[in-house]
Amino acid sequence: MTEQSFTRKRLNIRMPGLGGQGAVTAAHIIATSADHEGYYAVSNPFFGAEKRMAPAESYARIGIEPIYDRGEVVYPDIIMVFHEHVITMGKSYTMPFYSGIKRNGVIIINTHEDLLKKEDYDRLNALNVKVFNFPATKIAAEIAGTELSTNMAMLGALFGITQIVSLQAIEEGIKSRFMKKFVASGGTASLDSALERKFKKKLELIEKNLNTAKDAFERGLAWAKENGISPMLPPSPNKKEVAV
């Protein structure tokens, strides 16, 4: 299969899921990682009822030019489905969930089985939209030891497929989201010890999330190569030097 040629200047990403899955955090890390890679990037969430398992949606935009628009992504290049219920139970603010997707787009679905019907594939094939089904929650549970890292698997798969952000930049994005500076208290030894334990737990959390994202990145990249998907944006114009 010949490689696709993408001439986009920007990727618009829509992330439907359920409350509590970390789609908002994922959007933030996606934008931050893209920024570390030198792209312009923004993210924003959309909520209805703010409770667990209620429909929730986040958006990210990544481009080679400044981005000024905000709000809902109506015409996405990529759709990341965080939960099967978005499809099977219609828990999505957009129906069908792939409405508006652009030609040559990609859909990433967190699932262990194919959830789409023939009529869905007929519509998507007409637009040359490819669908990547992969068990993000299962991967998160196996590698990070918790389903709460599902969002790390989803963003890893995104960057593996799009081939626009390096693992190093993803690491910087994750660290910037979870890492806080811990200042020595100058007080009691017990307080300093508590801070040290908290710092250690943070480092362990970051490592588990990184390992989850890296595994999904490699899976996404392999799938992209198999399906003839080349990098979906030009190289970043302002790539930053990342400390090692």
C-alpha atoms as a PDB file:
ATOM      1  CA  MET A   1       0.000   0.000   0.000  1.00  0.00           C
ATOM      2  CA  THR A   2       1.371   3.417  -0.902  1.00  0.00           C
ATOM      3  CA  GLU A   3       1.839   6.031   1.768  1.00  0.00           C
ATOM      4  CA  GLN A   4      -0.741   8.753   2.134  1.00  0.00           C
ATOM      5  CA  SER A   5       0.379  12.322   1.573  1.00  0.00           C
ATOM      6  CA  PHE A   6      -0.881  14.787   4.175  1.00  0.00           C
ATOM      7  CA  THR A   7      -0.645  18.507   3.566  1.00  0.00           C
ATOM      8  CA  ARG A   8      -2.393  19.732   6.685  1.00  0.00           C
ATOM      9  CA  LYS A   9      -1.161  22.717   8.624  1.00  0.00           C
ATOM     10  CA  ARG A  10      -3.174  21.733  11.679  1.00  0.00           C
ATOM     11  CA  LEU A  11      -4.702  18.712  13.397  1.00  0.00           C
ATOM     12  CA  ASN A  12      -8.063  19.121  15.121  1.00  0.00           C
ATOM     13  CA  ILE A  13      -8.688  16.390  17.689  1.00  0.00           C
ATOM     14  CA  ARG A  14     -11.992  15.493  19.347  1.00  0.00           C
ATOM     15  CA  MET A  15     -12.019  13.237  22.413  1.00  0.00           C
ATOM     16  CA  PRO A  16     -15.420  11.898  23.492  1.00  0.00           C
ATOM     17  CA  GLY A  17     -15.510   9.786  26.629  1.00  0.00           C
ATOM     18  CA  LEU A  18     -17.067   9.493  30.054  1.00  0.00           C
ATOM     19  CA  GLY A  19     -16.449  11.589  33.131  1.00  0.00           C
ATOM     20  CA  GLY A  20     -13.549  10.389  35.255  1.00  0.00           C
ATOM     21  CA  GLN A  21     -11.547   8.838  32.414  1.00  0.00           C
ATOM     22  CA  GLY A  22      -9.003  11.627  32.216  1.00  0.00           C
ATOM     23  CA  ALA A  23      -9.851  12.957  28.761  1.00  0.00           C
ATOM     24  CA  VAL A  24      -9.312  16.504  30.024  1.00  0.00           C
ATOM     25  CA  THR A  25      -5.873  15.589  31.379  1.00  0.00           C
ATOM     26  CA  ALA A  26      -5.058  13.831  28.111  1.00  0.00           C
ATOM     27  CA  ALA A  27      -5.931  16.919  26.086  1.00  0.00           C
ATOM     28  CA  HIS A  28      -3.700  19.049  28.308  1.00  0.00           C
ATOM     29  CA  ILE A  29      -0.747  16.662  27.982  1.00  0.00           C
ATOM     30  CA  ILE A  30      -1.283  16.353  24.224  1.00  0.00           C
ATOM     31  CA  ALA A  31      -1.086  20.126  23.818  1.00  0.00           C
ATOM     32  CA  THR A  32       1.873  20.448  26.192  1.00  0.00           C
ATOM     33  CA  SER A  33       3.808  17.667  24.451  1.00  0.00           C
ATOM     34  CA  ALA A  34       3.151  19.255  21.067  1.00  0.00           C
ATOM     35  CA  ASP A  35       4.361  22.572  22.457  1.00  0.00           C
ATOM     36  CA  HIS A  36       7.599  20.921  23.610  1.00  0.00           C
ATOM     37  CA  GLU A  37       7.988  19.592  20.076  1.00  0.00           C
ATOM     38  CA  GLY A  38       7.738  23.149  18.777  1.00  0.00           C
ATOM     39  CA  TYR A  39       4.163  23.163  17.480  1.00  0.00           C
ATOM     40  CA  TYR A  40       1.457  25.647  18.352  1.00  0.00           C
ATOM     41  CA  ALA A  41      -1.139  23.879  20.470  1.00  0.00           C
ATOM     42  CA  VAL A  42      -4.221  24.525  22.590  1.00  0.00           C
ATOM     43  CA  SER A  43      -6.620  22.321  24.518  1.00  0.00           C
ATOM     44  CA  ASN A  44      -9.995  22.805  26.129  1.00  0.00           C
ATOM     45  CA  PRO A  45     -12.696  20.654  27.749  1.00  0.00           C
ATOM     46  CA  PHE A  46     -16.473  20.537  27.413  1.00  0.00           C
ATOM     47  CA  PHE A  47     -18.721  19.305  30.212  1.00  0.00           C
ATOM     48  CA  GLY A  48     -22.389  18.605  30.621  1.00  0.00           C
ATOM     49  CA  ALA A  49     -23.171  17.012  33.972  1.00  0.00           C
ATOM     50  CA  GLU A  50     -19.872  17.018  35.863  1.00  0.00           C
ATOM     51  CA  LYS A  51     -19.975  13.535  37.336  1.00  0.00           C
ATOM     52  CA  ARG A  52     -18.339  10.196  36.748  1.00  0.00           C
ATOM     53  CA  MET A  53     -19.604   8.185  33.749  1.00  0.00           C
ATOM     54  CA  ALA A  54     -21.548  11.125  32.321  1.00  0.00           C
ATOM     55  CA  PRO A  55     -20.653  12.124  28.742  1.00  0.00           C
ATOM     56  CA  ALA A  56     -17.565  14.342  28.595  1.00  0.00           C
ATOM     57  CA  GLU A  57     -15.504  15.680  25.756  1.00  0.00           C
ATOM     58  CA  SER A  58     -12.148  17.367  25.277  1.00  0.00           C
ATOM     59  CA  TYR A  59     -10.448  18.986  22.321  1.00  0.00           C
ATOM     60  CA  ALA A  60      -6.902  19.654  21.217  1.00  0.00           C
ATOM     61  CA  ARG A  61      -5.549  21.590  18.284  1.00  0.00           C
ATOM     62  CA  ILE A  62      -1.969  21.273  17.028  1.00  0.00           C
ATOM     63  CA  GLY A  63      -0.509  23.249  14.147  1.00  0.00           C
ATOM     64  CA  ILE A  64       2.460  24.923  12.531  1.00  0.00           C
ATOM     65  CA  GLU A  65       0.807  28.347  12.755  1.00  0.00           C
ATOM     66  CA  PRO A  66      -0.654  30.258  15.721  1.00  0.00           C
ATOM     67  CA  ILE A  67      -4.077  28.963  16.812  1.00  0.00           C
ATOM     68  CA  TYR A  68      -6.681  31.463  17.953  1.00  0.00           C
ATOM     69  CA  ASP A  69      -9.983  29.556  17.903  1.00  0.00           C
ATOM     70  CA  ARG A  70     -11.304  27.670  20.897  1.00  0.00           C
ATOM     71  CA  GLY A  71     -14.412  25.699  21.692  1.00  0.00           C
ATOM     72  CA  GLU A  72     -15.851  22.541  20.197  1.00  0.00           C
ATOM     73  CA  VAL A  73     -14.070  20.748  17.377  1.00  0.00           C
ATOM     74  CA  VAL A  74     -16.860  20.230  14.860  1.00  0.00           C
ATOM     75  CA  TYR A  75     -14.704  18.974  11.994  1.00  0.00           C
ATOM     76  CA  PRO A  76     -11.966  16.793  13.487  1.00  0.00           C
ATOM     77  CA  ASP A  77      -9.033  15.212  11.716  1.00  0.00           C
ATOM     78  CA  ILE A  78      -8.783  12.704  14.558  1.00  0.00           C
ATOM     79  CA  ILE A  79     -11.378  11.306  16.938  1.00  0.00           C
ATOM     80  CA  MET A  80     -10.244   9.512  20.098  1.00  0.00           C
ATOM     81  CA  VAL A  81     -13.028   7.438  21.679  1.00  0.00           C
ATOM     82  CA  PHE A  82     -12.188   6.847  25.337  1.00  0.00           C
ATOM     83  CA  HIS A  83     -15.058   4.511  26.218  1.00  0.00           C
ATOM     84  CA  GLU A  84     -17.103   1.938  24.312  1.00  0.00           C
ATOM     85  CA  HIS A  85     -20.359   3.485  25.587  1.00  0.00           C
ATOM     86  CA  VAL A  86     -19.721   6.479  23.338  1.00  0.00           C
ATOM     87  CA  ILE A  87     -20.545   4.087  20.496  1.00  0.00           C
ATOM     88  CA  THR A  88     -22.726   1.341  21.985  1.00  0.00           C
ATOM     89  CA  MET A  89     -24.937   3.577  24.148  1.00  0.00           C
ATOM     90  CA  GLY A  90     -24.679   6.857  22.259  1.00  0.00           C
ATOM     91  CA  LYS A  91     -22.988   8.702  25.144  1.00  0.00           C
ATOM     92  CA  SER A  92     -21.636  11.385  22.866  1.00  0.00           C
ATOM     93  CA  TYR A  93     -22.494  15.012  22.217  1.00  0.00           C
ATOM     94  CA  THR A  94     -22.172  14.328  18.492  1.00  0.00           C
ATOM     95  CA  MET A  95     -24.155  11.571  16.810  1.00  0.00           C
ATOM     96  CA  PRO A  96     -22.970   9.537  15.133  1.00  0.00           C
ATOM     97  CA  PHE A  97     -19.759   9.992  17.098  1.00  0.00           C
ATOM     98  CA  TYR A  98     -17.739  10.322  13.874  1.00  0.00           C
ATOM     99  CA  SER A  99     -19.902  13.090  12.449  1.00  0.00           C
ATOM    100  CA  GLY A 100     -17.832  15.825  10.820  1.00  0.00           C
ATOM    101  CA  ILE A 101     -14.625  13.848  10.497  1.00  0.00           C
ATOM    102  CA  LYS A 102     -12.464  15.046   7.640  1.00  0.00           C
ATOM    103  CA  ARG A 103     -11.225  13.063   4.670  1.00  0.00           C
ATOM    104  CA  ASN A 104      -8.093  10.998   5.407  1.00  0.00           C
ATOM    105  CA  GLY A 105      -8.850  11.198   9.110  1.00  0.00           C
ATOM    106  CA  VAL A 106      -8.187   8.667  11.854  1.00  0.00           C
ATOM    107  CA  ILE A 107     -10.400   7.248  14.595  1.00  0.00           C
ATOM    108  CA  ILE A 108      -8.777   5.723  17.682  1.00  0.00           C
ATOM    109  CA  ILE A 109     -11.129   3.567  19.779  1.00  0.00           C
ATOM    110  CA  ASN A 110     -10.427   2.137  23.227  1.00  0.00           C
ATOM    111  CA  THR A 111     -11.895  -1.327  22.744  1.00  0.00           C
ATOM    112  CA  HIS A 112     -10.981  -5.004  22.623  1.00  0.00           C
ATOM    113  CA  GLU A 113     -13.440  -5.696  19.784  1.00  0.00           C
ATOM    114  CA  ASP A 114     -14.726  -4.029  16.642  1.00  0.00           C
ATOM    115  CA  LEU A 115     -17.797  -1.961  17.550  1.00  0.00           C
ATOM    116  CA  LEU A 116     -18.650  -0.419  14.177  1.00  0.00           C
ATOM    117  CA  LYS A 117     -21.290  -1.657  11.763  1.00  0.00           C
ATOM    118  CA  LYS A 118     -20.978  -2.157   8.032  1.00  0.00           C
ATOM    119  CA  GLU A 119     -22.803   1.103   7.315  1.00  0.00           C
ATOM    120  CA  ASP A 120     -20.327   2.926   9.549  1.00  0.00           C
ATOM    121  CA  TYR A 121     -17.389   1.522   7.630  1.00  0.00           C
ATOM    122  CA  ASP A 122     -19.090   2.327   4.317  1.00  0.00           C
ATOM    123  CA  ARG A 123     -19.281   6.009   5.319  1.00  0.00           C
ATOM    124  CA  LEU A 124     -15.762   6.106   6.727  1.00  0.00           C
ATOM    125  CA  ASN A 125     -14.200   4.231   3.810  1.00  0.00           C
ATOM    126  CA  ALA A 126     -15.749   6.754   1.428  1.00  0.00           C
ATOM    127  CA  LEU A 127     -13.710   9.417   3.254  1.00  0.00           C
ATOM    128  CA  ASN A 128     -10.601   7.229   3.495  1.00  0.00           C
ATOM    129  CA  VAL A 129     -10.878   7.345   7.282  1.00  0.00           C
ATOM    130  CA  LYS A 130      -8.975   4.603   9.088  1.00  0.00           C
ATOM    131  CA  VAL A 131     -10.019   3.060  12.407  1.00  0.00           C
ATOM    132  CA  PHE A 132      -7.544   1.859  15.047  1.00  0.00           C
ATOM    133  CA  ASN A 133      -9.147  -0.419  17.651  1.00  0.00           C
ATOM    134  CA  PHE A 134      -6.907  -1.138  20.609  1.00  0.00           C
ATOM    135  CA  PRO A 135      -7.455  -2.069  24.294  1.00  0.00           C
ATOM    136  CA  ALA A 136      -6.150   1.067  25.981  1.00  0.00           C
ATOM    137  CA  THR A 137      -7.702   0.245  29.354  1.00  0.00           C
ATOM    138  CA  LYS A 138      -6.280  -3.281  29.338  1.00  0.00           C
ATOM    139  CA  ILE A 139      -2.825  -1.945  28.465  1.00  0.00           C
ATOM    140  CA  ALA A 140      -3.059   0.628  31.261  1.00  0.00           C
ATOM    141  CA  ALA A 141      -4.065  -2.001  33.814  1.00  0.00           C
ATOM    142  CA  GLU A 142      -1.252  -4.334  32.782  1.00  0.00           C
ATOM    143  CA  ILE A 143       1.543  -1.753  32.621  1.00  0.00           C
ATOM    144  CA  ALA A 144       0.559   0.958  35.102  1.00  0.00           C
ATOM    145  CA  GLY A 145      -1.494  -1.257  37.379  1.00  0.00           C
ATOM    146  CA  THR A 146      -4.550   0.977  37.126  1.00  0.00           C
ATOM    147  CA  GLU A 147      -7.282   1.776  34.628  1.00  0.00           C
ATOM    148  CA  LEU A 148      -6.754   5.446  35.484  1.00  0.00           C
ATOM    149  CA  SER A 149      -3.825   5.425  33.046  1.00  0.00           C
ATOM    150  CA  THR A 150      -6.140   4.725  30.096  1.00  0.00           C
ATOM    151  CA  ASN A 151      -5.631   8.317  28.997  1.00  0.00           C
ATOM    152  CA  MET A 152      -1.863   7.746  28.849  1.00  0.00           C
ATOM    153  CA  ALA A 153      -2.398   4.828  26.473  1.00  0.00           C
ATOM    154  CA  MET A 154      -4.739   6.920  24.325  1.00  0.00           C
ATOM    155  CA  LEU A 155      -2.346   9.844  23.944  1.00  0.00           C
ATOM    156  CA  GLY A 156       0.554   7.470  23.297  1.00  0.00           C
ATOM    157  CA  ALA A 157      -1.381   5.843  20.468  1.00  0.00           C
ATOM    158  CA  LEU A 158      -2.270   9.266  19.063  1.00  0.00           C
ATOM    159  CA  PHE A 159       1.342  10.363  18.790  1.00  0.00           C
ATOM    160  CA  GLY A 160       2.470   7.004  17.468  1.00  0.00           C
ATOM    161  CA  ILE A 161      -0.070   7.183  14.668  1.00  0.00           C
ATOM    162  CA  THR A 162       0.414  10.851  13.795  1.00  0.00           C
ATOM    163  CA  GLN A 163       4.229  10.660  14.045  1.00  0.00           C
ATOM    164  CA  ILE A 164       4.537  14.321  14.926  1.00  0.00           C
ATOM    165  CA  VAL A 165       5.701  14.251  18.567  1.00  0.00           C
ATOM    166  CA  SER A 166       8.678  12.316  19.923  1.00  0.00           C
ATOM    167  CA  LEU A 167       8.696  10.109  23.009  1.00  0.00           C
ATOM    168  CA  GLN A 168      11.004  12.659  24.613  1.00  0.00           C
ATOM    169  CA  ALA A 169       8.448  15.436  24.149  1.00  0.00           C
ATOM    170  CA  ILE A 170       5.684  13.159  25.473  1.00  0.00           C
ATOM    171  CA  GLU A 171       7.778  12.570  28.579  1.00  0.00           C
ATOM    172  CA  GLU A 172       8.151  16.325  29.054  1.00  0.00           C
ATOM    173  CA  GLY A 173       4.391  16.761  28.642  1.00  0.00           C
ATOM    174  CA  ILE A 174       3.623  14.121  31.265  1.00  0.00           C
ATOM    175  CA  LYS A 175       6.197  15.499  33.696  1.00  0.00           C
ATOM    176  CA  SER A 176       4.901  19.039  33.348  1.00  0.00           C
ATOM    177  CA  ARG A 177       1.383  17.831  34.180  1.00  0.00           C
ATOM    178  CA  PHE A 178       2.184  15.689  37.197  1.00  0.00           C
ATOM    179  CA  MET A 179       5.464  16.951  38.572  1.00  0.00           C
ATOM    180  CA  LYS A 180       5.500  19.692  41.183  1.00  0.00           C
ATOM    181  CA  LYS A 181       8.522  21.283  42.750  1.00  0.00           C
ATOM    182  CA  PHE A 182       9.101  20.094  46.271  1.00  0.00           C
ATOM    183  CA  VAL A 183      10.889  22.587  48.487  1.00  0.00           C
ATOM    184  CA  ALA A 184      12.754  21.481  51.576  1.00  0.00           C
ATOM    185  CA  SER A 185      10.738  22.493  54.582  1.00  0.00           C
ATOM    186  CA  GLY A 186      13.630  23.570  56.753  1.00  0.00           C
ATOM    187  CA  GLY A 187      11.520  22.251  59.581  1.00  0.00           C
ATOM    188  CA  THR A 188      11.133  18.917  61.291  1.00  0.00           C
ATOM    189  CA  ALA A 189      12.718  15.727  60.025  1.00  0.00           C
ATOM    190  CA  SER A 190       9.273  14.069  59.931  1.00  0.00           C
ATOM    191  CA  LEU A 191       7.917  16.749  57.582  1.00  0.00           C
ATOM    192  CA  ASP A 192      10.948  16.448  55.319  1.00  0.00           C
ATOM    193  CA  SER A 193      10.482  12.673  55.273  1.00  0.00           C
ATOM    194  CA  ALA A 194       6.814  13.061  54.306  1.00  0.00           C
ATOM    195  CA  LEU A 195       7.770  15.351  51.437  1.00  0.00           C
ATOM    196  CA  GLU A 196      10.382  12.880  50.286  1.00  0.00           C
ATOM    197  CA  ARG A 197       7.835  10.019  50.263  1.00  0.00           C
ATOM    198  CA  LYS A 198       5.365  12.153  48.334  1.00  0.00           C
ATOM    199  CA  PHE A 199       8.074  13.043  45.815  1.00  0.00           C
ATOM    200  CA  LYS A 200       8.951   9.368  45.381  1.00  0.00           C
ATOM    201  CA  LYS A 201       5.307   8.440  44.734  1.00  0.00           C
ATOM    202  CA  LYS A 202       5.102  11.149  42.095  1.00  0.00           C
ATOM    203  CA  LEU A 203       8.153   9.769  40.335  1.00  0.00           C
ATOM    204  CA  GLU A 204       6.697   6.254  40.417  1.00  0.00           C
ATOM    205  CA  LEU A 205       3.401   7.517  38.986  1.00  0.00           C
ATOM    206  CA  ILE A 206       5.194   9.350  36.193  1.00  0.00           C
ATOM    207  CA  GLU A 207       7.266   6.282  35.318  1.00  0.00           C
ATOM    208  CA  LYS A 208       4.184   4.053  35.099  1.00  0.00           C
ATOM    209  CA  ASN A 209       2.358   6.592  32.946  1.00  0.00           C
ATOM    210  CA  LEU A 210       5.392   6.960  30.695  1.00  0.00           C
ATOM    211  CA  ASN A 211       5.700   3.213  30.224  1.00  0.00           C
ATOM    212  CA  THR A 212       2.007   3.005  29.326  1.00  0.00           C
ATOM    213  CA  ALA A 213       2.282   5.851  26.816  1.00  0.00           C
ATOM    214  CA  LYS A 214       5.425   4.357  25.255  1.00  0.00           C
ATOM    215  CA  ASP A 215       3.821   0.937  24.765  1.00  0.00           C
ATOM    216  CA  ALA A 216       0.779   2.495  23.098  1.00  0.00           C
ATOM    217  CA  PHE A 217       3.028   4.781  21.022  1.00  0.00           C
ATOM    218  CA  GLU A 218       4.834   1.768  19.571  1.00  0.00           C
ATOM    219  CA  ARG A 219       1.547  -0.009  18.829  1.00  0.00           C
ATOM    220  CA  GLY A 220       0.152   3.085  17.123  1.00  0.00           C
ATOM    221  CA  LEU A 221       3.298   3.643  15.094  1.00  0.00           C
ATOM    222  CA  ALA A 222       3.369   0.018  13.900  1.00  0.00           C
ATOM    223  CA  TRP A 223      -0.287   0.260  12.862  1.00  0.00           C
ATOM    224  CA  ALA A 224       0.332   3.542  11.036  1.00  0.00           C
ATOM    225  CA  LYS A 225       3.196   2.015   9.079  1.00  0.00           C
ATOM    226  CA  GLU A 226       1.077  -1.009   8.166  1.00  0.00           C
ATOM    227  CA  ASN A 227      -1.659   1.295   6.877  1.00  0.00           C
ATOM    228  CA  GLY A 228       0.614   3.616   4.903  1.00  0.00           C
ATOM    229  CA  ILE A 229       0.143   6.624   7.172  1.00  0.00           C
ATOM    230  CA  SER A 230       2.974   9.123   6.980  1.00  0.00           C
ATOM    231  CA  PRO A 231       3.512  11.999   9.473  1.00  0.00           C
ATOM    232  CA  MET A 232       0.279  13.957   9.626  1.00  0.00           C
ATOM    233  CA  LEU A 233       1.881  17.392   9.988  1.00  0.00           C
ATOM    234  CA  PRO A 234       5.029  19.005   8.612  1.00  0.00           C
ATOM    235  CA  PRO A 235       7.996  19.148  11.022  1.00  0.00           C
ATOM    236  CA  SER A 236       7.503  21.594  13.876  1.00  0.00           C
ATOM    237  CA  PRO A 237       8.782  25.099  13.083  1.00  0.00           C
ATOM    238  CA  ASN A 238      10.100  25.962  16.540  1.00  0.00           C
ATOM    239  CA  LYS A 239      11.332  22.711  18.057  1.00  0.00           C
ATOM    240  CA  LYS A 240      12.680  23.174  21.558  1.00  0.00           C
ATOM    241  CA  GLU A 241      15.831  21.637  22.968  1.00  0.00           C
ATOM    242  CA  VAL A 242      14.766  19.149  25.645  1.00  0.00           C
ATOM    243  CA  ALA A 243      17.194  18.620  28.496  1.00  0.00           C
ATOM    244  CA  VAL A 244      18.401  15.044  28.956  1.00  0.00           C
END
